[in-house]
Amino acid sequence: MEYWIWLSRIEGLGPIKIKELLKQYKTPENIWELDKKKLMQTKGIGENIANSILKKEYRENLEQYVKYMKKYNIGIITIEDKDYPKKLLHIYDAPAILYYKGDKKLLHTDIIAMIGCRECSNYGKEVSIKFSYELAKKGITIISGMAKGIDSYSHIGCIKAGGKTIAVLGSGLDIIYPKENCLLYDEILSAKGLILSEYVIGTKPSKLNFPARNRIISGLSNGVIVVEAKGKSGTLNTVDFALEQGKDIFVVPGNITSTNSTGTNELIKQGASCVTGVEDILK
């Protein structure tokens, strides 16, 4: 576990480069032993990345990470493991390492993603709770990003139904963002849900982390429901990932006078499935 944690700490070493290193050298232990010359013989590994891999600071205190993770029930799934989710294996830049709290078996269930505006309307709130509640009652796992707005209400509706939900974070599992979702974080775990991140503990949320997080949300899903989206938003970034991954896109139509519906209504005009009830999705 320490070697995998070490790999995930290295700044600039993303999943594609990790997979190239594993392809050539088989195990993280073998990568640990490489010198600069050998590292730079790997596709995509230049001098700067090689220097980062060899940095002493990334190799220190690894046992403290393991102790912390054991204390707070944080597990790790690697791309080499049998229980790594097959749906994620099919995406271009599948995360090499996933940290989790809760029931990892949910990764292998039927999953629908629900996404939308952080600053959602009352309509968006009602719709996301209604859809997630009704889908959960049908045994569907709901996945979202535990952000403000539609994400949060999608998790909440699922929990109200006694269903299972997955939250994918853009930070380490020890850093809850936004802070007001500390209670929701605990509720998801109490409801035997799952909290997931590709980021090592201690990783703070950043603007770059959230688009990367979104590819995991869409990658794990069987389809994506968009409840509300402005003309330019992170929601549409997730839709782009979902389309690249061959996922079904379901869009809830919105008020044409609302800026929160500009993106959703445009997606419908472009050919996304317009849905007004969960039966439209279950079909």
C-alpha atoms as a PDB file:
ATOM      1  CA  MET A   1       0.000   0.000   0.000  1.00  0.00           C
ATOM      2  CA  GLU A   2       2.834   2.411   0.809  1.00  0.00           C
ATOM      3  CA  TYR A   3       4.200   2.220  -2.742  1.00  0.00           C
ATOM      4  CA  TRP A   4       0.792   3.041  -4.238  1.00  0.00           C
ATOM      5  CA  ILE A   5       0.354   5.948  -1.817  1.00  0.00           C
ATOM      6  CA  TRP A   6       3.803   7.182  -2.857  1.00  0.00           C
ATOM      7  CA  LEU A   7       2.792   7.156  -6.546  1.00  0.00           C
ATOM      8  CA  SER A   8      -0.383   9.113  -5.835  1.00  0.00           C
ATOM      9  CA  ARG A   9       1.566  11.787  -3.923  1.00  0.00           C
ATOM     10  CA  ILE A  10       3.826  12.689  -6.859  1.00  0.00           C
ATOM     11  CA  GLU A  11       2.813  16.016  -8.374  1.00  0.00           C
ATOM     12  CA  GLY A  12       2.465  15.921 -12.160  1.00  0.00           C
ATOM     13  CA  LEU A  13       2.368  12.126 -12.332  1.00  0.00           C
ATOM     14  CA  GLY A  14      -1.162  11.501 -13.600  1.00  0.00           C
ATOM     15  CA  PRO A  15      -2.925   8.182 -14.272  1.00  0.00           C
ATOM     16  CA  ILE A  16      -1.707   7.860 -17.869  1.00  0.00           C
ATOM     17  CA  LYS A  17       1.951   8.166 -16.858  1.00  0.00           C
ATOM     18  CA  ILE A  18       1.462   5.787 -13.923  1.00  0.00           C
ATOM     19  CA  LYS A  19      -0.041   3.200 -16.282  1.00  0.00           C
ATOM     20  CA  GLU A  20       2.885   3.591 -18.708  1.00  0.00           C
ATOM     21  CA  LEU A  21       5.325   2.989 -15.851  1.00  0.00           C
ATOM     22  CA  LEU A  22       3.365  -0.052 -14.669  1.00  0.00           C
ATOM     23  CA  LYS A  23       3.199  -1.410 -18.206  1.00  0.00           C
ATOM     24  CA  GLN A  24       6.996  -1.319 -18.437  1.00  0.00           C
ATOM     25  CA  TYR A  25       8.028  -2.097 -14.862  1.00  0.00           C
ATOM     26  CA  LYS A  26       5.036  -4.132 -13.582  1.00  0.00           C
ATOM     27  CA  THR A  27       4.882  -2.985  -9.920  1.00  0.00           C
ATOM     28  CA  PRO A  28       5.168   0.244  -7.888  1.00  0.00           C
ATOM     29  CA  GLU A  29       8.053  -1.393  -5.978  1.00  0.00           C
ATOM     30  CA  ASN A  30      10.012  -1.739  -9.202  1.00  0.00           C
ATOM     31  CA  ILE A  31       9.292   1.897 -10.124  1.00  0.00           C
ATOM     32  CA  TRP A  32      10.556   2.982  -6.676  1.00  0.00           C
ATOM     33  CA  GLU A  33      13.976   1.451  -7.456  1.00  0.00           C
ATOM     34  CA  LEU A  34      14.467   3.157 -10.848  1.00  0.00           C
ATOM     35  CA  ASP A  35      17.103   5.793 -11.460  1.00  0.00           C
ATOM     36  CA  LYS A  36      16.592   8.954 -13.510  1.00  0.00           C
ATOM     37  CA  LYS A  37      17.975   7.452 -16.711  1.00  0.00           C
ATOM     38  CA  LYS A  38      15.601   4.479 -16.578  1.00  0.00           C
ATOM     39  CA  LEU A  39      12.617   6.665 -15.726  1.00  0.00           C
ATOM     40  CA  MET A  40      13.209   8.913 -18.722  1.00  0.00           C
ATOM     41  CA  GLN A  41      13.163   5.896 -21.032  1.00  0.00           C
ATOM     42  CA  THR A  42       9.436   5.557 -20.283  1.00  0.00           C
ATOM     43  CA  LYS A  43       6.916   7.121 -22.677  1.00  0.00           C
ATOM     44  CA  GLY A  44       5.692  10.488 -21.356  1.00  0.00           C
ATOM     45  CA  ILE A  45       8.279  10.760 -18.587  1.00  0.00           C
ATOM     46  CA  GLY A  46      10.499  13.809 -19.123  1.00  0.00           C
ATOM     47  CA  GLU A  47      13.194  15.217 -16.877  1.00  0.00           C
ATOM     48  CA  ASN A  48      10.828  17.245 -14.666  1.00  0.00           C
ATOM     49  CA  ILE A  49       8.565  14.284 -13.942  1.00  0.00           C
ATOM     50  CA  ALA A  50      11.574  12.005 -13.391  1.00  0.00           C
ATOM     51  CA  ASN A  51      12.914  14.506 -10.854  1.00  0.00           C
ATOM     52  CA  SER A  52       9.540  14.568  -9.085  1.00  0.00           C
ATOM     53  CA  ILE A  53       9.427  10.764  -8.902  1.00  0.00           C
ATOM     54  CA  LEU A  54      12.859  10.774  -7.263  1.00  0.00           C
ATOM     55  CA  LYS A  55      12.029  13.566  -4.773  1.00  0.00           C
ATOM     56  CA  LYS A  56      12.722  12.568  -1.208  1.00  0.00           C
ATOM     57  CA  GLU A  57       9.701  14.397   0.204  1.00  0.00           C
ATOM     58  CA  TYR A  58       7.265  12.085  -1.610  1.00  0.00           C
ATOM     59  CA  ARG A  59       8.989   9.015  -0.159  1.00  0.00           C
ATOM     60  CA  GLU A  60       8.846  10.140   3.460  1.00  0.00           C
ATOM     61  CA  ASN A  61       6.215   9.436   6.147  1.00  0.00           C
ATOM     62  CA  LEU A  62       4.387   6.828   4.061  1.00  0.00           C
ATOM     63  CA  GLU A  63       3.753   4.694   7.136  1.00  0.00           C
ATOM     64  CA  GLN A  64       1.916   7.680   8.681  1.00  0.00           C
ATOM     65  CA  TYR A  65      -0.477   7.695   5.729  1.00  0.00           C
ATOM     66  CA  VAL A  66      -1.169   3.996   6.232  1.00  0.00           C
ATOM     67  CA  LYS A  67      -1.801   4.486   9.975  1.00  0.00           C
ATOM     68  CA  TYR A  68      -4.171   7.366   9.326  1.00  0.00           C
ATOM     69  CA  MET A  69      -6.069   5.419   6.673  1.00  0.00           C
ATOM     70  CA  LYS A  70      -6.455   2.388   8.951  1.00  0.00           C
ATOM     71  CA  LYS A  71      -7.622   4.591  11.837  1.00  0.00           C
ATOM     72  CA  TYR A  72     -10.310   6.264   9.712  1.00  0.00           C
ATOM     73  CA  ASN A  73     -11.293   3.226   7.627  1.00  0.00           C
ATOM     74  CA  ILE A  74      -9.957   4.556   4.329  1.00  0.00           C
ATOM     75  CA  GLY A  75      -9.227   1.805   1.820  1.00  0.00           C
ATOM     76  CA  ILE A  76      -7.437   1.755  -1.503  1.00  0.00           C
ATOM     77  CA  ILE A  77      -8.306   0.124  -4.830  1.00  0.00           C
ATOM     78  CA  THR A  78      -5.666   0.028  -7.551  1.00  0.00           C
ATOM     79  CA  ILE A  79      -6.003  -0.576 -11.258  1.00  0.00           C
ATOM     80  CA  GLU A  80      -4.250  -3.917 -10.689  1.00  0.00           C
ATOM     81  CA  ASP A  81      -6.953  -5.172  -8.295  1.00  0.00           C
ATOM     82  CA  LYS A  82      -9.708  -7.603  -9.261  1.00  0.00           C
ATOM     83  CA  ASP A  83     -12.364  -5.406  -7.665  1.00  0.00           C
ATOM     84  CA  TYR A  84     -11.384  -2.309  -9.663  1.00  0.00           C
ATOM     85  CA  PRO A  85     -14.623  -1.154 -11.378  1.00  0.00           C
ATOM     86  CA  LYS A  86     -14.793  -2.482 -14.934  1.00  0.00           C
ATOM     87  CA  LYS A  87     -16.724   0.554 -16.154  1.00  0.00           C
ATOM     88  CA  LEU A  88     -13.741   2.767 -15.311  1.00  0.00           C
ATOM     89  CA  LEU A  89     -11.294   0.521 -17.155  1.00  0.00           C
ATOM     90  CA  HIS A  90     -12.931   1.599 -20.415  1.00  0.00           C
ATOM     91  CA  ILE A  91     -12.187   5.316 -20.051  1.00  0.00           C
ATOM     92  CA  TYR A  92      -9.073   6.880 -21.557  1.00  0.00           C
ATOM     93  CA  ASP A  93      -7.469   8.210 -18.374  1.00  0.00           C
ATOM     94  CA  ALA A  94      -8.842   5.792 -15.788  1.00  0.00           C
ATOM     95  CA  PRO A  95      -7.503   6.583 -12.316  1.00  0.00           C
ATOM     96  CA  ALA A  96      -4.712   4.200 -11.323  1.00  0.00           C
ATOM     97  CA  ILE A  97      -5.563   4.566  -7.643  1.00  0.00           C
ATOM     98  CA  LEU A  98      -8.885   5.089  -5.848  1.00  0.00           C
ATOM     99  CA  TYR A  99      -9.259   5.892  -2.153  1.00  0.00           C
ATOM    100  CA  TYR A 100     -12.584   5.012  -0.560  1.00  0.00           C
ATOM    101  CA  LYS A 101     -14.683   4.988   2.602  1.00  0.00           C
ATOM    102  CA  GLY A 102     -17.808   2.882   2.831  1.00  0.00           C
ATOM    103  CA  ASP A 103     -19.162   0.041   0.703  1.00  0.00           C
ATOM    104  CA  LYS A 104     -16.939  -0.483  -2.336  1.00  0.00           C
ATOM    105  CA  LYS A 105     -19.324  -3.138  -3.693  1.00  0.00           C
ATOM    106  CA  LEU A 106     -21.517  -0.237  -4.899  1.00  0.00           C
ATOM    107  CA  LEU A 107     -18.971   0.324  -7.687  1.00  0.00           C
ATOM    108  CA  HIS A 108     -20.332  -2.815  -9.365  1.00  0.00           C
ATOM    109  CA  THR A 109     -24.034  -1.919  -9.246  1.00  0.00           C
ATOM    110  CA  ASP A 110     -26.324  -0.150 -11.738  1.00  0.00           C
ATOM    111  CA  ILE A 111     -25.373   3.505 -11.343  1.00  0.00           C
ATOM    112  CA  ILE A 112     -26.961   6.727 -12.565  1.00  0.00           C
ATOM    113  CA  ALA A 113     -25.104  10.042 -12.279  1.00  0.00           C
ATOM    114  CA  MET A 114     -27.029  13.173 -11.362  1.00  0.00           C
ATOM    115  CA  ILE A 115     -25.425  16.558 -11.975  1.00  0.00           C
ATOM    116  CA  GLY A 116     -26.377  20.219 -12.222  1.00  0.00           C
ATOM    117  CA  CYS A 117     -26.006  23.769 -10.925  1.00  0.00           C
ATOM    118  CA  ARG A 118     -24.432  24.588  -7.598  1.00  0.00           C
ATOM    119  CA  GLU A 119     -26.721  27.624  -7.297  1.00  0.00           C
ATOM    120  CA  CYS A 120     -29.835  25.688  -8.246  1.00  0.00           C
ATOM    121  CA  SER A 121     -33.447  26.871  -8.190  1.00  0.00           C
ATOM    122  CA  ASN A 122     -36.235  25.430  -6.027  1.00  0.00           C
ATOM    123  CA  TYR A 123     -37.388  23.610  -9.163  1.00  0.00           C
ATOM    124  CA  GLY A 124     -33.944  22.027  -9.544  1.00  0.00           C
ATOM    125  CA  LYS A 125     -33.927  21.035  -5.871  1.00  0.00           C
ATOM    126  CA  GLU A 126     -37.378  19.412  -6.094  1.00  0.00           C
ATOM    127  CA  VAL A 127     -36.585  17.567  -9.319  1.00  0.00           C
ATOM    128  CA  SER A 128     -33.224  16.214  -8.130  1.00  0.00           C
ATOM    129  CA  ILE A 129     -34.711  14.944  -4.850  1.00  0.00           C
ATOM    130  CA  LYS A 130     -37.718  13.410  -6.668  1.00  0.00           C
ATOM    131  CA  PHE A 131     -35.657  11.668  -9.354  1.00  0.00           C
ATOM    132  CA  SER A 132     -32.978  10.348  -7.008  1.00  0.00           C
ATOM    133  CA  TYR A 133     -35.621   9.149  -4.525  1.00  0.00           C
ATOM    134  CA  GLU A 134     -37.603   7.281  -7.172  1.00  0.00           C
ATOM    135  CA  LEU A 135     -34.526   5.778  -8.848  1.00  0.00           C
ATOM    136  CA  ALA A 136     -33.182   4.647  -5.481  1.00  0.00           C
ATOM    137  CA  LYS A 137     -36.514   2.928  -4.787  1.00  0.00           C
ATOM    138  CA  LYS A 138     -35.932   0.982  -8.017  1.00  0.00           C
ATOM    139  CA  GLY A 139     -32.544  -0.216  -6.743  1.00  0.00           C
ATOM    140  CA  ILE A 140     -30.419   2.223  -8.744  1.00  0.00           C
ATOM    141  CA  THR A 141     -27.267   3.638  -7.109  1.00  0.00           C
ATOM    142  CA  ILE A 142     -26.991   7.423  -7.446  1.00  0.00           C
ATOM    143  CA  ILE A 143     -23.573   8.984  -8.019  1.00  0.00           C
ATOM    144  CA  SER A 144     -22.680  12.668  -7.817  1.00  0.00           C
ATOM    145  CA  GLY A 145     -19.945  15.018  -6.621  1.00  0.00           C
ATOM    146  CA  MET A 146     -21.230  16.181  -3.200  1.00  0.00           C
ATOM    147  CA  ALA A 147     -21.021  19.811  -4.363  1.00  0.00           C
ATOM    148  CA  LYS A 148     -23.594  22.418  -3.355  1.00  0.00           C
ATOM    149  CA  GLY A 149     -26.921  22.405  -5.135  1.00  0.00           C
ATOM    150  CA  ILE A 150     -28.046  19.585  -7.420  1.00  0.00           C
ATOM    151  CA  ASP A 151     -25.257  17.210  -6.313  1.00  0.00           C
ATOM    152  CA  SER A 152     -26.209  17.492  -2.646  1.00  0.00           C
ATOM    153  CA  TYR A 153     -29.947  17.177  -3.246  1.00  0.00           C
ATOM    154  CA  SER A 154     -29.371  14.098  -5.413  1.00  0.00           C
ATOM    155  CA  HIS A 155     -27.512  12.400  -2.559  1.00  0.00           C
ATOM    156  CA  ILE A 156     -30.187  13.525  -0.077  1.00  0.00           C
ATOM    157  CA  GLY A 157     -33.107  12.182  -2.152  1.00  0.00           C
ATOM    158  CA  CYS A 158     -31.377   8.836  -2.467  1.00  0.00           C
ATOM    159  CA  ILE A 159     -30.712   8.593   1.276  1.00  0.00           C
ATOM    160  CA  LYS A 160     -34.358   9.529   2.040  1.00  0.00           C
ATOM    161  CA  ALA A 161     -35.430   6.563  -0.081  1.00  0.00           C
ATOM    162  CA  GLY A 162     -33.154   4.226   1.883  1.00  0.00           C
ATOM    163  CA  GLY A 163     -31.020   3.822  -1.223  1.00  0.00           C
ATOM    164  CA  LYS A 164     -27.296   3.764  -1.881  1.00  0.00           C
ATOM    165  CA  THR A 165     -25.296   6.729  -3.106  1.00  0.00           C
ATOM    166  CA  ILE A 166     -21.690   7.388  -4.150  1.00  0.00           C
ATOM    167  CA  ALA A 167     -19.969  10.759  -3.719  1.00  0.00           C
ATOM    168  CA  VAL A 168     -16.796  11.445  -5.709  1.00  0.00           C
ATOM    169  CA  LEU A 169     -14.612  14.183  -4.224  1.00  0.00           C
ATOM    170  CA  GLY A 170     -12.150  16.604  -5.776  1.00  0.00           C
ATOM    171  CA  SER A 171     -10.000  16.444  -2.650  1.00  0.00           C
ATOM    172  CA  GLY A 172      -8.563  13.876  -0.272  1.00  0.00           C
ATOM    173  CA  LEU A 173     -11.129  11.912   1.733  1.00  0.00           C
ATOM    174  CA  ASP A 174     -10.080  13.753   4.882  1.00  0.00           C
ATOM    175  CA  ILE A 175     -10.978  17.171   3.454  1.00  0.00           C
ATOM    176  CA  ILE A 176     -14.704  17.787   3.047  1.00  0.00           C
ATOM    177  CA  TYR A 177     -15.641  20.445   0.499  1.00  0.00           C
ATOM    178  CA  PRO A 178     -17.782  22.434   0.790  1.00  0.00           C
ATOM    179  CA  LYS A 179     -17.486  22.463   4.602  1.00  0.00           C
ATOM    180  CA  GLU A 180     -21.242  22.721   5.064  1.00  0.00           C
ATOM    181  CA  ASN A 181     -21.520  19.178   3.658  1.00  0.00           C
ATOM    182  CA  CYS A 182     -19.794  17.578   6.661  1.00  0.00           C
ATOM    183  CA  LEU A 183     -23.179  16.300   7.837  1.00  0.00           C
ATOM    184  CA  LEU A 184     -24.042  14.958   4.367  1.00  0.00           C
ATOM    185  CA  TYR A 185     -20.652  13.189   4.239  1.00  0.00           C
ATOM    186  CA  ASP A 186     -21.502  11.384   7.478  1.00  0.00           C
ATOM    187  CA  GLU A 187     -25.065  10.639   6.334  1.00  0.00           C
ATOM    188  CA  ILE A 188     -23.806   8.977   3.149  1.00  0.00           C
ATOM    189  CA  LEU A 189     -21.568   6.681   5.184  1.00  0.00           C
ATOM    190  CA  SER A 190     -24.299   6.003   7.787  1.00  0.00           C
ATOM    191  CA  ALA A 191     -26.596   4.973   4.917  1.00  0.00           C
ATOM    192  CA  LYS A 192     -23.925   2.448   3.809  1.00  0.00           C
ATOM    193  CA  GLY A 193     -22.991   4.524   0.794  1.00  0.00           C
ATOM    194  CA  LEU A 194     -19.528   5.220  -0.592  1.00  0.00           C
ATOM    195  CA  ILE A 195     -17.157   8.213  -0.639  1.00  0.00           C
ATOM    196  CA  LEU A 196     -14.530   8.038  -3.363  1.00  0.00           C
ATOM    197  CA  SER A 197     -11.475  10.021  -4.511  1.00  0.00           C
ATOM    198  CA  GLU A 198      -8.403   9.500  -6.653  1.00  0.00           C
ATOM    199  CA  TYR A 199      -6.541  11.993  -4.465  1.00  0.00           C
ATOM    200  CA  VAL A 200      -4.334  11.002  -1.542  1.00  0.00           C
ATOM    201  CA  ILE A 201      -5.355  12.204   1.921  1.00  0.00           C
ATOM    202  CA  GLY A 202      -4.292  15.767   2.589  1.00  0.00           C
ATOM    203  CA  THR A 203      -5.068  16.904  -0.978  1.00  0.00           C
ATOM    204  CA  LYS A 204      -6.949  20.208  -0.920  1.00  0.00           C
ATOM    205  CA  PRO A 205      -9.676  20.947  -3.478  1.00  0.00           C
ATOM    206  CA  SER A 206      -8.504  22.893  -6.522  1.00  0.00           C
ATOM    207  CA  LYS A 207     -10.022  24.088  -9.809  1.00  0.00           C
ATOM    208  CA  LEU A 208      -8.120  21.429 -11.736  1.00  0.00           C
ATOM    209  CA  ASN A 209      -9.318  18.610  -9.499  1.00  0.00           C
ATOM    210  CA  PHE A 210     -13.018  19.028 -10.230  1.00  0.00           C
ATOM    211  CA  PRO A 211     -12.979  18.439 -14.012  1.00  0.00           C
ATOM    212  CA  ALA A 212     -10.813  15.357 -13.336  1.00  0.00           C
ATOM    213  CA  ARG A 213     -13.320  14.244 -10.682  1.00  0.00           C
ATOM    214  CA  ASN A 214     -16.149  14.606 -13.212  1.00  0.00           C
ATOM    215  CA  ARG A 215     -14.706  11.966 -15.561  1.00  0.00           C
ATOM    216  CA  ILE A 216     -14.946   9.449 -12.713  1.00  0.00           C
ATOM    217  CA  ILE A 217     -18.584  10.354 -12.004  1.00  0.00           C
ATOM    218  CA  SER A 218     -19.561   9.818 -15.642  1.00  0.00           C
ATOM    219  CA  GLY A 219     -17.196   6.858 -16.067  1.00  0.00           C
ATOM    220  CA  LEU A 220     -18.790   4.872 -13.239  1.00  0.00           C
ATOM    221  CA  SER A 221     -22.333   5.569 -14.424  1.00  0.00           C
ATOM    222  CA  ASN A 222     -24.626   3.777 -16.839  1.00  0.00           C
ATOM    223  CA  GLY A 223     -26.076   7.164 -17.764  1.00  0.00           C
ATOM    224  CA  VAL A 224     -26.091  10.807 -16.707  1.00  0.00           C
ATOM    225  CA  ILE A 225     -29.078  12.949 -15.704  1.00  0.00           C
ATOM    226  CA  VAL A 226     -28.632  16.718 -16.077  1.00  0.00           C
ATOM    227  CA  VAL A 227     -31.127  18.612 -13.932  1.00  0.00           C
ATOM    228  CA  GLU A 228     -30.039  22.248 -14.341  1.00  0.00           C
ATOM    229  CA  ALA A 229     -27.067  23.739 -16.202  1.00  0.00           C
ATOM    230  CA  LYS A 230     -26.106  27.240 -17.248  1.00  0.00           C
ATOM    231  CA  GLY A 231     -24.705  27.995 -20.688  1.00  0.00           C
ATOM    232  CA  LYS A 232     -21.135  27.565 -19.441  1.00  0.00           C
ATOM    233  CA  SER A 233     -20.649  25.311 -16.435  1.00  0.00           C
ATOM    234  CA  GLY A 234     -18.761  22.358 -14.990  1.00  0.00           C
ATOM    235  CA  THR A 235     -21.938  20.350 -15.537  1.00  0.00           C
ATOM    236  CA  LEU A 236     -21.414  20.525 -19.300  1.00  0.00           C
ATOM    237  CA  ASN A 237     -17.817  19.412 -18.760  1.00  0.00           C
ATOM    238  CA  THR A 238     -19.180  16.206 -17.219  1.00  0.00           C
ATOM    239  CA  VAL A 239     -21.563  15.800 -20.162  1.00  0.00           C
ATOM    240  CA  ASP A 240     -18.578  16.033 -22.553  1.00  0.00           C
ATOM    241  CA  PHE A 241     -16.814  13.249 -20.640  1.00  0.00           C
ATOM    242  CA  ALA A 242     -19.980  11.154 -20.681  1.00  0.00           C
ATOM    243  CA  LEU A 243     -20.374  11.545 -24.453  1.00  0.00           C
ATOM    244  CA  GLU A 244     -16.728  10.546 -25.017  1.00  0.00           C
ATOM    245  CA  GLN A 245     -17.343   7.494 -22.826  1.00  0.00           C
ATOM    246  CA  GLY A 246     -20.481   6.502 -24.749  1.00  0.00           C
ATOM    247  CA  LYS A 247     -22.927   7.123 -21.914  1.00  0.00           C
ATOM    248  CA  ASP A 248     -26.622   7.969 -22.286  1.00  0.00           C
ATOM    249  CA  ILE A 249     -27.445  11.603 -21.511  1.00  0.00           C
ATOM    250  CA  PHE A 250     -30.839  12.368 -19.932  1.00  0.00           C
ATOM    251  CA  VAL A 251     -31.897  15.993 -19.559  1.00  0.00           C
ATOM    252  CA  VAL A 252     -34.700  17.479 -17.480  1.00  0.00           C
ATOM    253  CA  PRO A 253     -36.232  20.425 -19.382  1.00  0.00           C
ATOM    254  CA  GLY A 254     -36.239  23.775 -17.603  1.00  0.00           C
ATOM    255  CA  ASN A 255     -37.897  27.162 -17.586  1.00  0.00           C
ATOM    256  CA  ILE A 256     -36.843  28.995 -20.761  1.00  0.00           C
ATOM    257  CA  THR A 257     -36.583  32.286 -18.865  1.00  0.00           C
ATOM    258  CA  SER A 258     -34.103  30.882 -16.331  1.00  0.00           C
ATOM    259  CA  THR A 259     -30.318  31.059 -16.856  1.00  0.00           C
ATOM    260  CA  ASN A 260     -30.119  27.753 -14.979  1.00  0.00           C
ATOM    261  CA  SER A 261     -31.896  26.104 -17.914  1.00  0.00           C
ATOM    262  CA  THR A 262     -29.837  27.558 -20.764  1.00  0.00           C
ATOM    263  CA  GLY A 263     -27.447  24.600 -20.873  1.00  0.00           C
ATOM    264  CA  THR A 264     -30.049  21.897 -20.291  1.00  0.00           C
ATOM    265  CA  ASN A 265     -32.455  23.141 -22.947  1.00  0.00           C
ATOM    266  CA  GLU A 266     -29.581  23.480 -25.413  1.00  0.00           C
ATOM    267  CA  LEU A 267     -28.591  19.838 -24.774  1.00  0.00           C
ATOM    268  CA  ILE A 268     -32.154  18.774 -25.610  1.00  0.00           C
ATOM    269  CA  LYS A 269     -32.007  20.745 -28.866  1.00  0.00           C
ATOM    270  CA  GLN A 270     -28.743  18.961 -29.674  1.00  0.00           C
ATOM    271  CA  GLY A 271     -30.398  15.550 -29.310  1.00  0.00           C
ATOM    272  CA  ALA A 272     -30.056  14.523 -25.650  1.00  0.00           C
ATOM    273  CA  SER A 273     -32.968  12.498 -24.257  1.00  0.00           C
ATOM    274  CA  CYS A 274     -35.607  14.777 -22.729  1.00  0.00           C
ATOM    275  CA  VAL A 275     -36.970  13.176 -19.547  1.00  0.00           C
ATOM    276  CA  THR A 276     -39.905  14.191 -17.398  1.00  0.00           C
ATOM    277  CA  GLY A 277     -39.989  11.142 -15.128  1.00  0.00           C
ATOM    278  CA  VAL A 278     -37.824   8.218 -14.025  1.00  0.00           C
ATOM    279  CA  GLU A 279     -39.727   5.805 -16.284  1.00  0.00           C
ATOM    280  CA  ASP A 280     -38.157   7.624 -19.268  1.00  0.00           C
ATOM    281  CA  ILE A 281     -34.742   6.654 -17.857  1.00  0.00           C
ATOM    282  CA  LEU A 282     -35.572   3.108 -16.768  1.00  0.00           C
ATOM    283  CA  LYS A 283     -36.798   2.256 -20.270  1.00  0.00           C
END
